[in-house]
Protein backbone atom coordinates (compact mmCIF):
# COMPACT_ATOMS: atom_id res chain seq x y z
CA UNK A 1 36.96 25.71 0.59
CA UNK A 2 38.85 28.47 0.92
CA UNK A 3 37.81 32.39 1.12
CA UNK A 4 37.90 33.92 -2.37
CA UNK A 5 38.64 37.67 -0.90
CA UNK A 6 41.58 36.16 0.78
CA UNK A 7 45.06 37.52 -0.60
CA UNK A 8 46.13 35.22 -3.46
CA UNK A 9 49.97 33.98 -3.01
CA UNK A 10 52.26 34.75 -5.26
CA UNK A 11 52.39 31.68 -7.37
CA UNK A 12 48.32 31.47 -7.29
CA UNK A 13 45.51 32.66 -8.91
CA UNK A 14 42.00 33.49 -7.69
CA UNK A 15 39.26 31.09 -8.55
CA UNK A 16 36.66 31.75 -11.43
CA UNK A 17 33.53 33.10 -10.58
CA UNK A 18 32.09 29.98 -11.99
CA UNK A 19 33.67 28.22 -9.33
CA UNK A 20 32.52 30.36 -6.24
CA UNK A 21 30.41 28.52 -3.54
CA UNK A 22 28.51 29.89 -0.37
CA UNK A 23 30.88 29.87 2.85
CA UNK A 24 28.09 29.18 5.27
CA UNK A 25 24.24 28.97 5.93
CA UNK A 26 22.15 25.89 4.69
CA UNK A 27 23.70 26.55 1.08
CA UNK A 28 27.14 26.08 2.41
CA UNK A 29 29.47 24.72 -0.71
CA UNK A 30 26.70 25.40 -3.30
CA UNK A 31 27.80 27.27 -6.34
CA UNK A 32 26.74 31.13 -6.37
CA UNK A 33 28.36 32.94 -9.25
CA UNK A 34 29.56 35.61 -6.67
CA UNK A 35 26.30 36.62 -5.74
CA UNK A 36 25.53 36.97 -1.78
CA UNK A 37 21.85 37.01 -2.01
CA UNK A 38 22.13 33.24 -3.11
CA UNK A 39 23.87 32.45 0.48
CA UNK A 40 21.37 33.62 3.34
CA UNK A 41 23.40 33.23 6.45
CA UNK A 42 26.75 33.39 4.50
CA UNK A 43 28.72 34.72 1.66
CA UNK A 44 29.39 34.06 -1.88
CA UNK A 45 33.49 33.92 -0.74
CA UNK A 46 34.53 30.21 -1.23
CA UNK A 47 36.58 28.79 -3.33
CA UNK A 48 37.84 24.60 -3.68
CA UNK A 49 41.58 23.61 -2.77
CA UNK A 50 43.73 22.15 -5.13
CA UNK A 51 46.85 20.39 -4.73
CA UNK A 52 48.66 20.84 -1.36
CA UNK A 53 47.89 23.15 1.35
CA UNK A 54 49.32 26.03 2.30
CA UNK A 55 50.31 27.74 5.68
CA UNK A 56 47.61 30.08 4.86
CA UNK A 57 45.07 27.38 5.06
CA UNK A 58 46.20 25.02 7.81
CA UNK A 59 48.45 25.88 11.03
CA UNK A 60 47.57 22.99 12.97
CA UNK A 61 49.82 19.67 12.53
CA UNK A 62 49.30 17.19 15.19
CA UNK A 63 52.72 15.07 15.57
CA UNK A 64 52.60 11.85 16.43
CA UNK A 65 55.07 11.69 19.39
CA UNK A 66 55.03 11.53 22.97
CA UNK A 67 57.11 11.85 26.22
CA UNK A 68 57.85 9.08 28.42
CA UNK A 69 59.67 9.72 32.30
CA UNK A 70 61.87 6.87 33.08
CA UNK A 71 59.77 5.77 35.82
CA UNK A 72 56.93 4.70 33.35
CA UNK A 73 56.12 1.88 31.80
CA UNK A 74 55.78 3.50 28.41
CA UNK A 75 59.73 4.24 28.94
CA UNK A 76 62.24 2.40 26.52
CA UNK A 77 65.85 3.23 26.52
CA UNK A 78 67.37 3.85 22.99
CA UNK A 79 69.52 1.42 21.89
CA UNK A 80 72.24 1.83 19.30
């Protein structure tokens, strides 16, 4: 879910009021039609994500590489 209140990217659009859901609390993820009263301990401010994820949504990427010093068992020299 992405917060509806955040700035919308240039080519994006905010979700419709029919799609807005609770951000937290016991009703997290349930539709709330832009009414905070339906979201105890949360806000009615979440839009579903569609398509790809932008840098605003995801800032951590775990890369699958590691470093092996030459004097360890995992070291393998590159062969051309």
